[in-house]
Amino acid sequence: MSAPQQPGSSTTTIIQTAVSENTDKRDIVGFLKKQAQQSLAFGTLVVLVVFFAIASPSFFTVSNITTVLLSTAVIAILALGTTFVIITGGIDLSLGTGMALAAVMTGVFVTKMGLPVWVGVIGGIATGVLMGLINGVNITFLRLPPFIATLAMMMIAGGLALVISGVAPIYFAADNGFQQAFAIGTLIPGLPNAVLITGILAVVAWLVLSKTLLGRYTFAIGSNEEATRLSGVNTRRWTILVYMFAGAFTGIAGVVIAARLGSAQPQIGTGYELQAIAAVIIGGTSLLGGRGSILGTVIGALIMSVLVNGLRILSIQSEWQNIVVGIVVLIAVFFDSLRNRTRT
């Protein structure tokens, strides 16, 4: 008669299984095999850069590269947070309007209420965390599908951004240091602060995903939520924490884009959620959950920014830009589907 299984042992097995394929890098051949999608994404990025550099001499200039990096910052910050959500097998459609609401709240605190910049920044980030909390509660306790719960939040956040701002931009004073600190300033010469913030957040996200309990349970829930729950893990609590963590990134993105524009634009978030989700998928994170990487997400965000910027440099009309981006998303989801079929 076999000995009874110790409580928590199956949890360890689930977590080890979920994380092993993301952390086992003992030899370069095995690493490249397991990260084929990530390598493909990097190769795609290189091809895009070379193509646009040849097609237009205006692409590979210091000013345009800076523009690409600044636009990547916002998409990457949103994508870093939603990487955790998608690894759990969820989705977050409220990224774009949530970012706009966070930007508007930052503007309200700093400009309309006259509070210090740091208070406004904390308020903007807290707005994102609160939206993540509501999303998480709706998904775990009300049992709403993530698509429906976050779609509702997308509409609510978009409406609140318009109502609170009075359907008008909220401008920041040029002398309060907000823009310099969170966007166009250069703490490191030649590197805009928005890009520096993105780099720091990428490192933080990587550490959380690969070195902490939150990251391990993120993979475990995405791999097999029911087995994780039955083994004693409070999957509701950890799922809510994942959405709150992602919400913090949404709030930070709102602060950064407000600083970059010098104003809180209540309608600025439209379409950002799709670009962020596309960046995550292009980077190799599976829509079915259980697999993903921060480096892949950063590469995916760069691909989206380079693609959009390059099309603009070539004077491609905006409607055709949307078509091209849509095709890229379709191809990324198709390859993700192929990978999942291969695994099963």
Protein backbone atom coordinates (compact mmCIF):
# COMPACT_ATOMS: atom_id res chain seq x y z
CA MET A 1 0.00 0.00 0.00
CA SER A 2 1.54 3.29 -1.03
CA ALA A 3 2.15 6.01 1.49
CA PRO A 4 -0.32 8.89 1.44
CA GLN A 5 0.79 11.91 -0.51
CA GLN A 6 2.01 14.76 1.65
CA PRO A 7 -0.05 17.95 1.44
CA GLY A 8 1.52 20.38 -0.96
CA SER A 9 3.65 17.80 -2.75
CA SER A 10 1.45 17.87 -5.84
CA THR A 11 1.67 21.67 -5.79
CA THR A 12 5.44 21.42 -5.98
CA THR A 13 5.16 18.97 -8.88
CA ILE A 14 2.77 21.24 -10.78
CA ILE A 15 4.96 24.29 -10.23
CA GLN A 16 8.15 22.48 -11.18
CA THR A 17 6.53 21.17 -14.35
CA ALA A 18 5.18 24.59 -15.29
CA VAL A 19 8.39 26.46 -14.62
CA SER A 20 10.99 23.92 -15.77
CA GLU A 21 10.59 24.60 -19.47
CA ASN A 22 10.95 28.34 -18.82
CA THR A 23 14.03 28.14 -16.58
CA ASP A 24 16.08 25.15 -17.81
CA LYS A 25 18.93 26.74 -19.75
CA ARG A 26 21.81 24.40 -18.97
CA ASP A 27 22.90 24.05 -22.56
CA ILE A 28 22.52 26.43 -25.47
CA VAL A 29 21.00 23.84 -27.83
CA GLY A 30 18.21 22.93 -25.43
CA PHE A 31 17.61 26.59 -24.67
CA LEU A 32 17.23 27.48 -28.33
CA LYS A 33 14.85 24.57 -28.90
CA LYS A 34 12.64 25.58 -26.00
CA GLN A 35 12.74 29.25 -27.00
CA ALA A 36 12.12 28.79 -30.72
CA GLN A 37 9.29 31.31 -30.82
CA GLN A 38 11.36 33.87 -28.94
CA SER A 39 14.26 33.39 -31.35
CA LEU A 40 11.87 33.73 -34.28
CA ALA A 41 10.53 36.96 -32.79
CA PHE A 42 14.03 38.38 -32.45
CA GLY A 43 14.82 37.42 -36.04
CA THR A 44 11.62 39.14 -37.16
CA LEU A 45 12.66 42.28 -35.31
CA VAL A 46 16.04 42.31 -37.03
CA VAL A 47 14.44 41.81 -40.45
CA LEU A 48 11.99 44.67 -39.85
CA VAL A 49 14.74 47.06 -38.74
CA VAL A 50 16.91 46.22 -41.77
CA PHE A 51 13.97 46.51 -44.17
CA PHE A 52 12.80 49.91 -42.93
CA ALA A 53 16.38 51.19 -42.70
CA ILE A 54 16.88 50.33 -46.38
CA ALA A 55 13.44 51.56 -47.43
CA SER A 56 13.80 54.97 -45.79
CA PRO A 57 16.92 56.89 -44.73
CA SER A 58 14.76 58.65 -42.14
CA PHE A 59 14.20 55.46 -40.17
CA PHE A 60 17.66 54.82 -38.77
CA THR A 61 18.25 58.29 -37.33
CA VAL A 62 18.82 59.23 -33.70
CA SER A 63 15.57 61.18 -33.47
CA ASN A 64 13.48 58.39 -34.97
CA ILE A 65 15.12 55.67 -32.88
CA THR A 66 14.31 57.78 -29.82
CA THR A 67 10.71 58.04 -31.02
CA VAL A 68 10.54 54.25 -31.47
CA LEU A 69 11.91 53.65 -27.97
CA LEU A 70 9.47 56.14 -26.42
CA SER A 71 6.51 54.53 -28.17
CA THR A 72 7.82 51.09 -27.19
CA ALA A 73 7.91 52.18 -23.56
CA VAL A 74 4.15 52.47 -23.19
CA ILE A 75 3.34 49.30 -25.15
CA ALA A 76 6.03 47.35 -23.30
CA ILE A 77 4.87 48.46 -19.84
CA LEU A 78 1.31 47.39 -20.64
CA ALA A 79 2.56 44.13 -22.17
CA LEU A 80 4.78 43.29 -19.19
CA GLY A 81 1.80 43.36 -16.85
CA THR A 82 -0.54 41.44 -19.11
CA THR A 83 2.11 38.75 -19.64
CA PHE A 84 1.31 37.52 -16.13
CA VAL A 85 -2.43 37.56 -16.87
CA ILE A 86 -2.08 35.62 -20.12
CA ILE A 87 0.26 33.05 -18.55
CA THR A 88 -2.55 32.26 -16.08
CA GLY A 89 -4.80 31.60 -19.07
CA GLY A 90 -6.67 34.89 -18.69
CA ILE A 91 -6.95 38.03 -20.77
CA ASP A 92 -7.22 41.75 -20.01
CA LEU A 93 -9.04 43.98 -22.48
CA SER A 94 -9.13 46.96 -20.11
CA LEU A 95 -5.47 47.86 -20.62
CA GLY A 96 -5.98 50.77 -23.00
CA THR A 97 -8.87 52.59 -21.34
CA GLY A 98 -7.44 51.70 -17.93
CA MET A 99 -4.23 53.46 -18.92
CA ALA A 100 -6.25 56.49 -20.04
CA LEU A 101 -8.14 56.57 -16.73
CA ALA A 102 -4.89 56.33 -14.76
CA ALA A 103 -3.49 59.22 -16.79
CA VAL A 104 -6.63 61.29 -16.17
CA MET A 105 -6.51 60.60 -12.43
CA THR A 106 -2.86 61.64 -12.37
CA GLY A 107 -3.88 64.87 -14.11
CA VAL A 108 -6.73 65.45 -11.66
CA PHE A 109 -4.48 65.02 -8.63
CA VAL A 110 -1.60 67.13 -9.97
CA THR A 111 -3.31 69.83 -12.04
CA LYS A 112 -6.85 70.20 -10.74
CA MET A 113 -6.23 69.46 -7.05
CA GLY A 114 -2.74 70.97 -6.96
CA LEU A 115 -1.18 68.03 -5.14
CA PRO A 116 2.55 67.21 -5.42
CA VAL A 117 3.62 65.25 -8.48
CA TRP A 118 4.57 62.19 -6.46
CA VAL A 119 1.06 62.04 -4.97
CA GLY A 120 -0.45 62.21 -8.44
CA VAL A 121 1.84 59.43 -9.65
CA ILE A 122 0.88 57.18 -6.72
CA GLY A 123 -2.78 58.01 -7.39
CA GLY A 124 -2.45 57.03 -11.04
CA ILE A 125 -0.78 53.73 -10.19
CA ALA A 126 -3.35 53.05 -7.46
CA THR A 127 -6.09 53.55 -10.05
CA GLY A 128 -4.60 50.74 -12.12
CA VAL A 129 -4.24 48.48 -9.09
CA LEU A 130 -7.89 49.11 -8.13
CA MET A 131 -9.04 48.15 -11.63
CA GLY A 132 -6.95 44.99 -11.41
CA LEU A 133 -8.53 44.17 -8.05
CA ILE A 134 -12.05 44.58 -9.47
CA ASN A 135 -11.16 42.46 -12.51
CA GLY A 136 -9.72 39.75 -10.30
CA VAL A 137 -12.73 39.69 -7.96
CA ASN A 138 -15.18 39.57 -10.88
CA ILE A 139 -13.29 36.66 -12.42
CA THR A 140 -12.66 34.60 -9.29
CA PHE A 141 -15.70 35.23 -7.10
CA LEU A 142 -18.39 36.14 -9.62
CA ARG A 143 -17.05 33.47 -12.00
CA LEU A 144 -17.18 35.81 -14.99
CA PRO A 145 -15.04 34.80 -17.97
CA PRO A 146 -11.94 37.04 -18.13
CA PHE A 147 -12.99 38.25 -21.58
CA ILE A 148 -16.37 39.49 -20.31
CA ALA A 149 -15.09 40.88 -16.99
CA THR A 150 -12.30 42.91 -18.58
CA LEU A 151 -14.48 43.96 -21.52
CA ALA A 152 -16.91 45.47 -19.00
CA MET A 153 -14.02 47.17 -17.21
CA MET A 154 -12.75 48.50 -20.54
CA MET A 155 -16.07 50.23 -21.13
CA ILE A 156 -16.38 51.49 -17.55
CA ALA A 157 -12.82 52.86 -17.45
CA GLY A 158 -13.25 54.55 -20.83
CA GLY A 159 -16.48 56.19 -19.68
CA LEU A 160 -15.00 57.31 -16.37
CA ALA A 161 -11.99 58.84 -18.13
CA LEU A 162 -14.33 60.95 -20.27
CA VAL A 163 -16.62 61.94 -17.40
CA ILE A 164 -13.86 62.86 -14.93
CA SER A 165 -11.89 64.85 -17.52
CA GLY A 166 -14.97 66.56 -18.90
CA VAL A 167 -14.12 65.12 -22.35
CA ALA A 168 -11.10 67.44 -22.51
CA PRO A 169 -7.35 66.99 -22.04
CA ILE A 170 -5.85 67.86 -18.66
CA TYR A 171 -2.57 69.69 -19.20
CA PHE A 172 0.40 69.57 -16.87
CA ALA A 173 2.42 72.67 -15.98
CA ALA A 174 5.74 72.70 -17.78
CA ASP A 175 7.64 73.75 -14.66
CA ASN A 176 6.59 70.99 -12.24
CA GLY A 177 9.16 68.50 -13.56
CA PHE A 178 6.59 65.81 -14.33
CA GLN A 179 7.47 65.43 -18.01
CA GLN A 180 11.19 65.46 -17.34
CA ALA A 181 11.02 62.91 -14.56
CA PHE A 182 8.81 60.32 -16.26
CA ALA A 183 9.32 60.74 -20.01
CA ILE A 184 11.64 63.08 -21.86
CA GLY A 185 14.26 63.75 -19.20
CA THR A 186 17.57 61.90 -19.34
CA LEU A 187 18.92 60.60 -16.06
CA ILE A 188 21.34 58.60 -18.22
CA PRO A 189 22.61 60.78 -21.10
CA GLY A 190 20.96 59.86 -24.39
CA LEU A 191 18.37 57.56 -22.80
CA PRO A 192 14.90 59.04 -22.14
CA ASN A 193 13.62 58.36 -18.63
CA ALA A 194 10.53 56.62 -20.01
CA VAL A 195 12.80 54.02 -21.62
CA LEU A 196 14.84 53.72 -18.42
CA ILE A 197 11.65 53.15 -16.41
CA THR A 198 10.60 50.46 -18.90
CA GLY A 199 13.94 48.71 -18.54
CA ILE A 200 13.69 48.73 -14.76
CA LEU A 201 10.14 47.40 -14.90
CA ALA A 202 11.23 44.63 -17.29
CA VAL A 203 13.88 43.52 -14.78
CA VAL A 204 11.35 43.65 -11.94
CA ALA A 205 8.82 41.64 -13.97
CA TRP A 206 11.48 39.04 -14.83
CA LEU A 207 12.50 38.70 -11.19
CA VAL A 208 8.89 38.35 -10.04
CA LEU A 209 8.03 35.83 -12.74
CA SER A 210 11.11 33.66 -12.31
CA LYS A 211 12.15 34.07 -8.68
CA THR A 212 9.04 34.62 -6.56
CA LEU A 213 6.02 32.67 -5.37
CA LEU A 214 3.72 34.91 -7.41
CA GLY A 215 5.58 33.95 -10.58
CA ARG A 216 5.57 30.25 -9.75
CA TYR A 217 1.86 30.22 -9.01
CA THR A 218 1.25 32.23 -12.19
CA PHE A 219 2.71 29.36 -14.21
CA ALA A 220 0.98 26.74 -12.07
CA ILE A 221 -2.48 28.30 -12.46
CA GLY A 222 -1.98 28.61 -16.21
CA SER A 223 -0.80 25.02 -16.53
CA ASN A 224 -3.59 23.42 -14.49
CA GLU A 225 -5.68 25.65 -12.24
CA GLU A 226 -7.91 22.87 -10.93
CA ALA A 227 -5.00 20.64 -9.91
CA THR A 228 -3.30 23.62 -8.29
CA ARG A 229 -6.44 24.42 -6.31
CA LEU A 230 -6.95 20.80 -5.22
CA SER A 231 -3.38 20.65 -3.96
CA GLY A 232 -4.12 23.37 -1.42
CA VAL A 233 -3.27 26.61 -3.20
CA ASN A 234 -5.75 29.48 -2.85
CA THR A 235 -5.99 30.08 -6.59
CA ARG A 236 -8.58 32.83 -6.14
CA ARG A 237 -6.24 34.92 -4.03
CA TRP A 238 -3.27 34.44 -6.35
CA THR A 239 -5.33 35.18 -9.46
CA ILE A 240 -6.52 38.43 -7.89
CA LEU A 241 -2.92 39.32 -7.02
CA VAL A 242 -1.88 38.66 -10.63
CA TYR A 243 -4.54 41.05 -11.94
CA MET A 244 -3.59 43.66 -9.34
CA PHE A 245 0.07 43.33 -10.30
CA ALA A 246 -0.85 43.77 -13.97
CA GLY A 247 -3.03 46.73 -12.97
CA ALA A 248 -0.02 48.42 -11.40
CA PHE A 249 1.75 48.26 -14.75
CA THR A 250 -1.34 49.72 -16.42
CA GLY A 251 -1.24 52.60 -13.93
CA ILE A 252 2.46 53.21 -14.57
CA ALA A 253 1.81 53.21 -18.31
CA GLY A 254 -0.83 55.89 -17.74
CA VAL A 255 1.67 58.03 -15.84
CA VAL A 256 4.34 57.60 -18.51
CA ILE A 257 2.08 58.40 -21.47
CA ALA A 258 0.69 61.46 -19.66
CA ALA A 259 4.24 62.68 -19.04
CA ARG A 260 5.26 61.97 -22.62
CA LEU A 261 2.33 63.97 -24.05
CA GLY A 262 2.37 66.65 -21.37
CA SER A 263 -1.34 66.07 -20.85
CA ALA A 264 -3.86 63.43 -19.82
CA GLN A 265 -5.86 62.57 -22.92
CA PRO A 266 -9.08 60.73 -21.96
CA GLN A 267 -9.31 58.93 -25.31
CA ILE A 268 -5.64 58.08 -25.76
CA GLY A 269 -5.92 54.40 -24.76
CA THR A 270 -7.99 53.17 -27.69
CA GLY A 271 -6.26 50.24 -29.40
CA TYR A 272 -3.34 49.98 -26.96
CA GLU A 273 -4.77 46.83 -25.42
CA LEU A 274 -4.57 45.03 -28.76
CA GLN A 275 -1.00 46.13 -29.38
CA ALA A 276 0.04 45.03 -25.89
CA ILE A 277 -1.66 41.64 -26.18
CA ALA A 278 -0.15 41.19 -29.64
CA ALA A 279 3.31 41.96 -28.24
CA VAL A 280 2.86 39.27 -25.58
CA ILE A 281 1.72 36.65 -28.10
CA ILE A 282 4.45 37.53 -30.62
CA GLY A 283 6.97 37.12 -27.81
CA GLY A 284 5.96 33.49 -27.32
CA THR A 285 3.47 33.59 -24.44
CA SER A 286 0.69 31.07 -25.01
CA LEU A 287 -2.92 32.22 -25.04
CA LEU A 288 -3.80 28.91 -23.36
CA GLY A 289 -1.57 29.79 -20.42
CA GLY A 290 1.28 28.04 -18.67
CA ARG A 291 4.08 29.40 -20.85
CA GLY A 292 5.70 32.80 -21.43
CA SER A 293 8.73 35.00 -20.89
CA ILE A 294 9.48 38.63 -20.14
CA LEU A 295 12.28 38.87 -22.71
CA GLY A 296 9.92 37.61 -25.40
CA THR A 297 7.36 40.24 -24.43
CA VAL A 298 9.94 43.04 -24.69
CA ILE A 299 10.94 41.80 -28.16
CA GLY A 300 7.28 41.62 -29.15
CA ALA A 301 6.72 45.22 -28.00
CA LEU A 302 9.72 46.36 -30.06
CA ILE A 303 8.31 44.56 -33.12
CA MET A 304 4.97 46.34 -32.76
CA SER A 305 6.61 49.76 -32.33
CA VAL A 306 9.07 49.29 -35.19
CA LEU A 307 6.30 48.05 -37.47
CA VAL A 308 3.97 50.98 -36.77
CA ASN A 309 6.76 53.54 -36.91
CA GLY A 310 8.19 52.11 -40.13
CA LEU A 311 4.81 52.17 -41.84
CA ARG A 312 4.39 55.82 -40.85
CA ILE A 313 7.87 56.67 -42.12
CA LEU A 314 6.90 55.12 -45.46
CA SER A 315 3.75 57.30 -45.48
CA ILE A 316 1.43 54.31 -45.38
CA GLN A 317 -2.12 55.46 -44.65
CA SER A 318 -3.40 54.75 -41.13
CA GLU A 319 -6.14 52.39 -42.31
CA TRP A 320 -3.54 50.24 -44.08
CA GLN A 321 -1.38 50.34 -40.94
CA ASN A 322 -4.28 48.82 -39.00
CA ILE A 323 -4.66 46.11 -41.63
CA VAL A 324 -0.97 45.20 -41.45
CA VAL A 325 -0.98 45.12 -37.63
CA GLY A 326 -4.12 42.97 -37.71
CA ILE A 327 -2.46 40.50 -40.07
CA VAL A 328 0.59 40.33 -37.78
CA VAL A 329 -1.65 39.55 -34.80
CA LEU A 330 -3.47 36.88 -36.82
CA ILE A 331 -0.18 35.23 -37.81
CA ALA A 332 1.07 35.31 -34.21
CA VAL A 333 -2.10 33.66 -32.89
CA PHE A 334 -1.95 31.08 -35.69
CA PHE A 335 1.60 30.06 -34.75
CA ASP A 336 0.61 29.97 -31.09
CA SER A 337 -2.23 27.61 -32.02
CA LEU A 338 0.22 25.40 -33.94
CA ARG A 339 2.55 25.24 -30.95
CA ASN A 340 -0.31 24.26 -28.68
CA ARG A 341 -1.42 21.51 -31.05
CA THR A 342 2.13 20.18 -31.15
CA ARG A 343 2.26 20.08 -27.34
CA THR A 344 -1.00 18.17 -27.12
